[in-house]
Amino acid sequence: MEQKNNIENKKQLVGEVIESPMEKTAVIKVERRFPHPIYKKFISKSKKYYAHDPENICNTGDIVRILESKPISKSKRWVVMDIEKKAVK
């Protein structure tokens, strides 16, 4: 029986870097869209995640993929996997 890869069992999210002023940390805004249960109008909700960025490669405006991980600090539970799209300067 094959074992699944560890990355396949963890959640992955895609979001935009809204700030990265701290060492090795980026703040990611993940937006999700869903229909309202009664009115069926689409609603956008966003949530901020603190993600570990060991090489400090994230800049404001980048679209990144983050991966769930064990707690790294008080508020960091995610790790930046890769940059999907660089911000236009």
PDB file of N, CA and C in Angstrom:
ATOM      1  N   MET A   1       0.839  -1.182   0.000  1.00  0.00           N
ATOM      2  CA  MET A   1       0.000   0.000   0.000  1.00  0.00           C
ATOM      3  C   MET A   1       0.891   1.254   0.000  1.00  0.00           C
ATOM      4  N   GLU A   2       0.591   2.179  -0.899  1.00  0.00           N
ATOM      5  CA  GLU A   2       1.398   3.391  -1.016  1.00  0.00           C
ATOM      6  C   GLU A   2       1.012   4.401   0.053  1.00  0.00           C
ATOM      7  N   GLN A   3       2.029   5.094   0.576  1.00  0.00           N
ATOM      8  CA  GLN A   3       1.765   6.174   1.506  1.00  0.00           C
ATOM      9  C   GLN A   3       1.672   7.477   0.728  1.00  0.00           C
ATOM     10  N   LYS A   4       0.741   8.326   1.157  1.00  0.00           N
ATOM     11  CA  LYS A   4       0.606   9.625   0.497  1.00  0.00           C
ATOM     12  C   LYS A   4       1.748  10.533   0.897  1.00  0.00           C
ATOM     13  N   ASN A   5       2.103  11.406  -0.007  1.00  0.00           N
ATOM     14  CA  ASN A   5       3.128  12.397   0.283  1.00  0.00           C
ATOM     15  C   ASN A   5       2.620  13.328   1.383  1.00  0.00           C
ATOM     16  N   ASN A   6       3.499  13.779   2.262  1.00  0.00           N
ATOM     17  CA  ASN A   6       3.116  14.617   3.393  1.00  0.00           C
ATOM     18  C   ASN A   6       2.468  15.926   2.941  1.00  0.00           C
ATOM     19  N   ILE A   7       2.918  16.484   1.820  1.00  0.00           N
ATOM     20  CA  ILE A   7       2.369  17.748   1.331  1.00  0.00           C
ATOM     21  C   ILE A   7       0.922  17.583   0.874  1.00  0.00           C
ATOM     22  N   GLU A   8       0.562  16.427   0.360  1.00  0.00           N
ATOM     23  CA  GLU A   8      -0.800  16.202  -0.120  1.00  0.00           C
ATOM     24  C   GLU A   8      -1.815  16.233   1.017  1.00  0.00           C
ATOM     25  N   ASN A   9      -1.390  15.947   2.249  1.00  0.00           N
ATOM     26  CA  ASN A   9      -2.311  15.909   3.376  1.00  0.00           C
ATOM     27  C   ASN A   9      -2.526  17.273   4.013  1.00  0.00           C
ATOM     28  N   LYS A  10      -1.749  18.276   3.629  1.00  0.00           N
ATOM     29  CA  LYS A  10      -1.835  19.589   4.249  1.00  0.00           C
ATOM     30  C   LYS A  10      -2.604  20.562   3.369  1.00  0.00           C
ATOM     31  N   LYS A  11      -3.233  21.542   4.006  1.00  0.00           N
ATOM     32  CA  LYS A  11      -3.990  22.549   3.271  1.00  0.00           C
ATOM     33  C   LYS A  11      -3.045  23.493   2.546  1.00  0.00           C
ATOM     34  N   GLN A  12      -3.467  23.921   1.367  1.00  0.00           N
ATOM     35  CA  GLN A  12      -2.730  24.919   0.595  1.00  0.00           C
ATOM     36  C   GLN A  12      -3.696  26.038   0.247  1.00  0.00           C
ATOM     37  N   LEU A  13      -3.226  27.268   0.354  1.00  0.00           N
ATOM     38  CA  LEU A  13      -4.037  28.422   0.016  1.00  0.00           C
ATOM     39  C   LEU A  13      -3.231  29.345  -0.894  1.00  0.00           C
ATOM     40  N   VAL A  14      -3.937  30.110  -1.706  1.00  0.00           N
ATOM     41  CA  VAL A  14      -3.298  31.089  -2.576  1.00  0.00           C
ATOM     42  C   VAL A  14      -3.828  32.457  -2.182  1.00  0.00           C
ATOM     43  N   GLY A  15      -2.905  33.406  -1.967  1.00  0.00           N
ATOM     44  CA  GLY A  15      -3.318  34.744  -1.567  1.00  0.00           C
ATOM     45  C   GLY A  15      -2.298  35.793  -1.958  1.00  0.00           C
ATOM     46  N   GLU A  16      -2.611  37.032  -1.616  1.00  0.00           N
ATOM     47  CA  GLU A  16      -1.764  38.167  -1.970  1.00  0.00           C
ATOM     48  C   GLU A  16      -1.002  38.648  -0.743  1.00  0.00           C
ATOM     49  N   VAL A  17       0.270  38.973  -0.939  1.00  0.00           N
ATOM     50  CA  VAL A  17       1.083  39.513   0.154  1.00  0.00           C
ATOM     51  C   VAL A  17       0.672  40.959   0.353  1.00  0.00           C
ATOM     52  N   ILE A  18       0.194  41.285   1.558  1.00  0.00           N
ATOM     53  CA  ILE A  18      -0.203  42.672   1.814  1.00  0.00           C
ATOM     54  C   ILE A  18       0.887  43.451   2.522  1.00  0.00           C
ATOM     55  N   GLU A  19       1.771  42.751   3.240  1.00  0.00           N
ATOM     56  CA  GLU A  19       2.928  43.404   3.839  1.00  0.00           C
ATOM     57  C   GLU A  19       3.950  42.354   4.245  1.00  0.00           C
ATOM     58  N   SER A  20       5.210  42.765   4.300  1.00  0.00           N
ATOM     59  CA  SER A  20       6.263  41.866   4.763  1.00  0.00           C
ATOM     60  C   SER A  20       7.353  42.668   5.472  1.00  0.00           C
ATOM     61  N   PRO A  21       6.967  43.420   6.520  1.00  0.00           N
ATOM     62  CA  PRO A  21       7.954  44.264   7.196  1.00  0.00           C
ATOM     63  C   PRO A  21       8.834  43.503   8.181  1.00  0.00           C
ATOM     64  N   MET A  22       8.397  42.313   8.599  1.00  0.00           N
ATOM     65  CA  MET A  22       9.128  41.561   9.610  1.00  0.00           C
ATOM     66  C   MET A  22      10.160  40.644   8.974  1.00  0.00           C
ATOM     67  N   GLU A  23      11.170  40.268   9.753  1.00  0.00           N
ATOM     68  CA  GLU A  23      12.166  39.310   9.287  1.00  0.00           C
ATOM     69  C   GLU A  23      11.515  37.939   9.155  1.00  0.00           C
ATOM     70  N   LYS A  24      11.655  37.311   7.996  1.00  0.00           N
ATOM     71  CA  LYS A  24      11.208  35.944   7.741  1.00  0.00           C
ATOM     72  C   LYS A  24       9.709  35.731   7.944  1.00  0.00           C
ATOM     73  N   THR A  25       8.916  36.789   7.799  1.00  0.00           N
ATOM     74  CA  THR A  25       7.465  36.676   7.944  1.00  0.00           C
ATOM     75  C   THR A  25       6.778  37.519   6.880  1.00  0.00           C
ATOM     76  N   ALA A  26       5.713  36.985   6.313  1.00  0.00           N
ATOM     77  CA  ALA A  26       4.899  37.733   5.355  1.00  0.00           C
ATOM     78  C   ALA A  26       3.447  37.630   5.788  1.00  0.00           C
ATOM     79  N   VAL A  27       2.684  38.690   5.573  1.00  0.00           N
ATOM     80  CA  VAL A  27       1.260  38.695   5.884  1.00  0.00           C
ATOM     81  C   VAL A  27       0.516  38.493   4.566  1.00  0.00           C
ATOM     82  N   ILE A  28      -0.272  37.420   4.516  1.00  0.00           N
ATOM     83  CA  ILE A  28      -0.963  37.024   3.287  1.00  0.00           C
ATOM     84  C   ILE A  28      -2.469  37.218   3.476  1.00  0.00           C
ATOM     85  N   LYS A  29      -3.119  37.854   2.484  1.00  0.00           N
ATOM     86  CA  LYS A  29      -4.572  37.995   2.506  1.00  0.00           C
ATOM     87  C   LYS A  29      -5.164  36.982   1.533  1.00  0.00           C
ATOM     88  N   VAL A  30      -5.976  36.066   2.057  1.00  0.00           N
ATOM     89  CA  VAL A  30      -6.629  35.050   1.239  1.00  0.00           C
ATOM     90  C   VAL A  30      -8.107  35.412   1.150  1.00  0.00           C
ATOM     91  N   GLU A  31      -8.602  35.540  -0.083  1.00  0.00           N
ATOM     92  CA  GLU A  31      -9.987  35.921  -0.311  1.00  0.00           C
ATOM     93  C   GLU A  31     -10.768  34.728  -0.834  1.00  0.00           C
ATOM     94  N   ARG A  32     -11.949  34.507  -0.273  1.00  0.00           N
ATOM     95  CA  ARG A  32     -12.792  33.419  -0.769  1.00  0.00           C
ATOM     96  C   ARG A  32     -14.148  33.982  -1.149  1.00  0.00           C
ATOM     97  N   ARG A  33     -14.739  33.401  -2.194  1.00  0.00           N
ATOM     98  CA  ARG A  33     -16.050  33.837  -2.682  1.00  0.00           C
ATOM     99  C   ARG A  33     -17.021  32.683  -2.574  1.00  0.00           C
ATOM    100  N   PHE A  34     -18.214  32.976  -2.070  1.00  0.00           N
ATOM    101  CA  PHE A  34     -19.231  31.943  -1.922  1.00  0.00           C
ATOM    102  C   PHE A  34     -20.606  32.594  -2.024  1.00  0.00           C
ATOM    103  N   PRO A  35     -21.622  31.815  -2.441  1.00  0.00           N
ATOM    104  CA  PRO A  35     -22.962  32.384  -2.535  1.00  0.00           C
ATOM    105  C   PRO A  35     -23.623  32.487  -1.152  1.00  0.00           C
ATOM    106  N   HIS A  36     -24.353  33.561  -0.942  1.00  0.00           N
ATOM    107  CA  HIS A  36     -25.093  33.734   0.306  1.00  0.00           C
ATOM    108  C   HIS A  36     -26.146  32.632   0.394  1.00  0.00           C
ATOM    109  N   PRO A  37     -26.295  32.000   1.562  1.00  0.00           N
ATOM    110  CA  PRO A  37     -27.210  30.857   1.666  1.00  0.00           C
ATOM    111  C   PRO A  37     -28.665  31.175   1.322  1.00  0.00           C
ATOM    112  N   ILE A  38     -29.127  32.405   1.593  1.00  0.00           N
ATOM    113  CA  ILE A  38     -30.525  32.744   1.312  1.00  0.00           C
ATOM    114  C   ILE A  38     -30.667  33.529   0.020  1.00  0.00           C
ATOM    115  N   TYR A  39     -29.844  34.589  -0.142  1.00  0.00           N
ATOM    116  CA  TYR A  39     -30.016  35.511  -1.261  1.00  0.00           C
ATOM    117  C   TYR A  39     -29.270  35.101  -2.524  1.00  0.00           C
ATOM    118  N   LYS A  40     -28.369  34.131  -2.435  1.00  0.00           N
ATOM    119  CA  LYS A  40     -27.610  33.596  -3.574  1.00  0.00           C
ATOM    120  C   LYS A  40     -26.684  34.602  -4.241  1.00  0.00           C
ATOM    121  N   LYS A  41     -26.506  35.763  -3.631  1.00  0.00           N
ATOM    122  CA  LYS A  41     -25.549  36.735  -4.152  1.00  0.00           C
ATOM    123  C   LYS A  41     -24.150  36.308  -3.693  1.00  0.00           C
ATOM    124  N   PHE A  42     -23.141  36.486  -4.553  1.00  0.00           N
ATOM    125  CA  PHE A  42     -21.787  36.084  -4.185  1.00  0.00           C
ATOM    126  C   PHE A  42     -21.179  37.099  -3.218  1.00  0.00           C
ATOM    127  N   ILE A  43     -20.588  36.583  -2.165  1.00  0.00           N
ATOM    128  CA  ILE A  43     -19.974  37.392  -1.113  1.00  0.00           C
ATOM    129  C   ILE A  43     -18.485  37.107  -1.103  1.00  0.00           C
ATOM    130  N   SER A  44     -17.672  38.150  -0.908  1.00  0.00           N
ATOM    131  CA  SER A  44     -16.225  37.981  -0.770  1.00  0.00           C
ATOM    132  C   SER A  44     -15.845  38.195   0.688  1.00  0.00           C
ATOM    133  N   LYS A  45     -15.146  37.234   1.249  1.00  0.00           N
ATOM    134  CA  LYS A  45     -14.614  37.373   2.603  1.00  0.00           C
ATOM    135  C   LYS A  45     -13.125  37.139   2.531  1.00  0.00           C
ATOM    136  N   SER A  46     -12.386  37.888   3.328  1.00  0.00           N
ATOM    137  CA  SER A  46     -10.934  37.722   3.324  1.00  0.00           C
ATOM    138  C   SER A  46     -10.443  37.467   4.735  1.00  0.00           C
ATOM    139  N   LYS A  47      -9.280  36.841   4.803  1.00  0.00           N
ATOM    140  CA  LYS A  47      -8.663  36.526   6.082  1.00  0.00           C
ATOM    141  C   LYS A  47      -7.159  36.700   5.940  1.00  0.00           C
ATOM    142  N   LYS A  48      -6.506  37.182   7.009  1.00  0.00           N
ATOM    143  CA  LYS A  48      -5.064  37.381   6.987  1.00  0.00           C
ATOM    144  C   LYS A  48      -4.368  36.199   7.650  1.00  0.00           C
ATOM    145  N   TYR A  49      -3.287  35.756   7.038  1.00  0.00           N
ATOM    146  CA  TYR A  49      -2.469  34.680   7.584  1.00  0.00           C
ATOM    147  C   TYR A  49      -1.028  35.171   7.687  1.00  0.00           C
ATOM    148  N   TYR A  50      -0.363  34.805   8.787  1.00  0.00           N
ATOM    149  CA  TYR A  50       1.067  35.073   8.927  1.00  0.00           C
ATOM    150  C   TYR A  50       1.808  33.832   8.456  1.00  0.00           C
ATOM    151  N   ALA A  51       2.689  34.005   7.484  1.00  0.00           N
ATOM    152  CA  ALA A  51       3.392  32.866   6.890  1.00  0.00           C
ATOM    153  C   ALA A  51       4.901  33.029   7.044  1.00  0.00           C
ATOM    154  N   HIS A  52       5.574  31.912   7.262  1.00  0.00           N
ATOM    155  CA  HIS A  52       7.029  31.898   7.402  1.00  0.00           C
ATOM    156  C   HIS A  52       7.658  32.008   6.017  1.00  0.00           C
ATOM    157  N   ASP A  53       8.550  32.968   5.864  1.00  0.00           N
ATOM    158  CA  ASP A  53       9.232  33.229   4.597  1.00  0.00           C
ATOM    159  C   ASP A  53      10.735  33.245   4.888  1.00  0.00           C
ATOM    160  N   PRO A  54      11.389  32.070   4.913  1.00  0.00           N
ATOM    161  CA  PRO A  54      12.768  31.997   5.394  1.00  0.00           C
ATOM    162  C   PRO A  54      13.783  32.815   4.596  1.00  0.00           C
ATOM    163  N   GLU A  55      13.593  32.983   3.284  1.00  0.00           N
ATOM    164  CA  GLU A  55      14.559  33.739   2.470  1.00  0.00           C
ATOM    165  C   GLU A  55      14.160  35.194   2.251  1.00  0.00           C
ATOM    166  N   ASN A  56      13.056  35.633   2.835  1.00  0.00           N
ATOM    167  CA  ASN A  56      12.536  37.000   2.637  1.00  0.00           C
ATOM    168  C   ASN A  56      12.380  37.325   1.153  1.00  0.00           C
ATOM    169  N   ILE A  57      11.761  36.420   0.391  1.00  0.00           N
ATOM    170  CA  ILE A  57      11.598  36.630  -1.046  1.00  0.00           C
ATOM    171  C   ILE A  57      10.283  37.317  -1.399  1.00  0.00           C
ATOM    172  N   CYS A  58       9.330  37.374  -0.467  1.00  0.00           N
ATOM    173  CA  CYS A  58       8.020  37.959  -0.749  1.00  0.00           C
ATOM    174  C   CYS A  58       8.065  39.474  -0.691  1.00  0.00           C
ATOM    175  N   ASN A  59       7.397  40.099  -1.658  1.00  0.00           N
ATOM    176  CA  ASN A  59       7.229  41.548  -1.670  1.00  0.00           C
ATOM    177  C   ASN A  59       5.742  41.858  -1.718  1.00  0.00           C
ATOM    178  N   THR A  60       5.392  43.056  -1.324  1.00  0.00           N
ATOM    179  CA  THR A  60       3.993  43.469  -1.329  1.00  0.00           C
ATOM    180  C   THR A  60       3.413  43.369  -2.739  1.00  0.00           C
ATOM    181  N   GLY A  61       2.247  42.731  -2.854  1.00  0.00           N
ATOM    182  CA  GLY A  61       1.572  42.581  -4.139  1.00  0.00           C
ATOM    183  C   GLY A  61       1.789  41.244  -4.818  1.00  0.00           C
ATOM    184  N   ASP A  62       2.737  40.444  -4.347  1.00  0.00           N
ATOM    185  CA  ASP A  62       2.976  39.124  -4.936  1.00  0.00           C
ATOM    186  C   ASP A  62       1.805  38.191  -4.635  1.00  0.00           C
ATOM    187  N   ILE A  63       1.535  37.275  -5.557  1.00  0.00           N
ATOM    188  CA  ILE A  63       0.557  36.214  -5.333  1.00  0.00           C
ATOM    189  C   ILE A  63       1.361  34.974  -4.962  1.00  0.00           C
ATOM    190  N   VAL A  64       1.099  34.411  -3.769  1.00  0.00           N
ATOM    191  CA  VAL A  64       1.892  33.290  -3.272  1.00  0.00           C
ATOM    192  C   VAL A  64       1.007  32.116  -2.867  1.00  0.00           C
ATOM    193  N   ARG A  65       1.616  30.940  -2.831  1.00  0.00           N
ATOM    194  CA  ARG A  65       0.952  29.731  -2.340  1.00  0.00           C
ATOM    195  C   ARG A  65       1.545  29.423  -0.979  1.00  0.00           C
ATOM    196  N   ILE A  66       0.666  29.224   0.021  1.00  0.00           N
ATOM    197  CA  ILE A  66       1.137  28.919   1.370  1.00  0.00           C
ATOM    198  C   ILE A  66       0.675  27.525   1.765  1.00  0.00           C
ATOM    199  N   LEU A  67       1.462  26.880   2.622  1.00  0.00           N
ATOM    200  CA  LEU A  67       1.225  25.510   3.042  1.00  0.00           C
ATOM    201  C   LEU A  67       1.099  25.470   4.556  1.00  0.00           C
ATOM    202  N   GLU A  68       0.117  24.726   5.024  1.00  0.00           N
ATOM    203  CA  GLU A  68      -0.098  24.548   6.459  1.00  0.00           C
ATOM    204  C   GLU A  68       1.111  23.849   7.080  1.00  0.00           C
ATOM    205  N   SER A  69       1.492  24.245   8.302  1.00  0.00           N
ATOM    206  CA  SER A  69       2.627  23.608   8.968  1.00  0.00           C
ATOM    207  C   SER A  69       2.391  23.610  10.472  1.00  0.00           C
ATOM    208  N   LYS A  70       3.336  23.022  11.187  1.00  0.00           N
ATOM    209  CA  LYS A  70       3.245  23.047  12.644  1.00  0.00           C
ATOM    210  C   LYS A  70       3.515  24.473  13.120  1.00  0.00           C
ATOM    211  N   PRO A  71       3.098  24.841  14.326  1.00  0.00           N
ATOM    212  CA  PRO A  71       3.316  26.206  14.803  1.00  0.00           C
ATOM    213  C   PRO A  71       4.791  26.587  14.825  1.00  0.00           C
ATOM    214  N   ILE A  72       5.096  27.723  14.204  1.00  0.00           N
ATOM    215  CA  ILE A  72       6.468  28.214  14.141  1.00  0.00           C
ATOM    216  C   ILE A  72       6.672  29.283  15.213  1.00  0.00           C
ATOM    217  N   SER A  73       5.635  30.070  15.478  1.00  0.00           N
ATOM    218  CA  SER A  73       5.665  31.071  16.541  1.00  0.00           C
ATOM    219  C   SER A  73       4.243  31.233  17.053  1.00  0.00           C
ATOM    220  N   LYS A  74       4.014  32.279  17.827  1.00  0.00           N
ATOM    221  CA  LYS A  74       2.687  32.487  18.404  1.00  0.00           C
ATOM    222  C   LYS A  74       1.596  32.600  17.336  1.00  0.00           C
ATOM    223  N   SER A  75       1.895  33.266  16.243  1.00  0.00           N
ATOM    224  CA  SER A  75       0.865  33.500  15.223  1.00  0.00           C
ATOM    225  C   SER A  75       1.146  32.841  13.875  1.00  0.00           C
ATOM    226  N   LYS A  76       2.329  32.268  13.665  1.00  0.00           N
ATOM    227  CA  LYS A  76       2.669  31.678  12.361  1.00  0.00           C
ATOM    228  C   LYS A  76       2.380  30.184  12.352  1.00  0.00           C
ATOM    229  N   ARG A  77       1.485  29.764  11.440  1.00  0.00           N
ATOM    230  CA  ARG A  77       1.173  28.354  11.238  1.00  0.00           C
ATOM    231  C   ARG A  77       1.210  27.965   9.765  1.00  0.00           C
ATOM    232  N   TRP A  78       1.769  28.825   8.933  1.00  0.00           N
ATOM    233  CA  TRP A  78       1.832  28.609   7.496  1.00  0.00           C
ATOM    234  C   TRP A  78       3.244  28.893   6.992  1.00  0.00           C
ATOM    235  N   VAL A  79       3.614  28.275   5.864  1.00  0.00           N
ATOM    236  CA  VAL A  79       4.923  28.470   5.249  1.00  0.00           C
ATOM    237  C   VAL A  79       4.707  28.837   3.785  1.00  0.00           C
ATOM    238  N   VAL A  80       5.467  29.811   3.289  1.00  0.00           N
ATOM    239  CA  VAL A  80       5.378  30.193   1.879  1.00  0.00           C
ATOM    240  C   VAL A  80       6.037  29.101   1.042  1.00  0.00           C
ATOM    241  N   MET A  81       5.257  28.502   0.128  1.00  0.00           N
ATOM    242  CA  MET A  81       5.800  27.447  -0.747  1.00  0.00           C
ATOM    243  C   MET A  81       6.514  28.063  -1.938  1.00  0.00           C
ATOM    244  N   ASP A  82       5.777  28.860  -2.714  1.00  0.00           N
ATOM    245  CA  ASP A  82       6.366  29.481  -3.889  1.00  0.00           C
ATOM    246  C   ASP A  82       5.564  30.713  -4.273  1.00  0.00           C
ATOM    247  N   ILE A  83       6.164  31.510  -5.153  1.00  0.00           N
ATOM    248  CA  ILE A  83       5.505  32.711  -5.645  1.00  0.00           C
ATOM    249  C   ILE A  83       4.841  32.363  -6.970  1.00  0.00           C
ATOM    250  N   GLU A  84       3.518  32.514  -7.020  1.00  0.00           N
ATOM    251  CA  GLU A  84       2.765  32.216  -8.235  1.00  0.00           C
ATOM    252  C   GLU A  84       2.960  33.334  -9.276  1.00  0.00           C
ATOM    253  N   LYS A  85       2.924  34.584  -8.796  1.00  0.00           N
ATOM    254  CA  LYS A  85       3.022  35.719  -9.712  1.00  0.00           C
ATOM    255  C   LYS A  85       3.677  36.882  -8.976  1.00  0.00           C
ATOM    256  N   LYS A  86       4.733  37.442  -9.590  1.00  0.00           N
ATOM    257  CA  LYS A  86       5.426  38.570  -8.989  1.00  0.00           C
ATOM    258  C   LYS A  86       4.619  39.855  -9.218  1.00  0.00           C
ATOM    259  N   ALA A  87       4.749  40.780  -8.284  1.00  0.00           N
ATOM    260  CA  ALA A  87       4.055  42.062  -8.399  1.00  0.00           C
ATOM    261  C   ALA A  87       4.710  42.913  -9.472  1.00  0.00           C
ATOM    262  N   VAL A  88       3.908  43.691 -10.186  1.00  0.00           N
ATOM    263  CA  VAL A  88       4.412  44.595 -11.207  1.00  0.00           C
ATOM    264  C   VAL A  88       4.894  45.853 -10.511  1.00  0.00           C
ATOM    265  N   LYS A  89       6.094  46.283 -10.857  1.00  0.00           N
ATOM    266  CA  LYS A  89       6.638  47.488 -10.190  1.00  0.00           C
ATOM    267  C   LYS A  89       6.453  48.712 -11.031  1.00  0.00           C
TER     268      LYS A  89
END
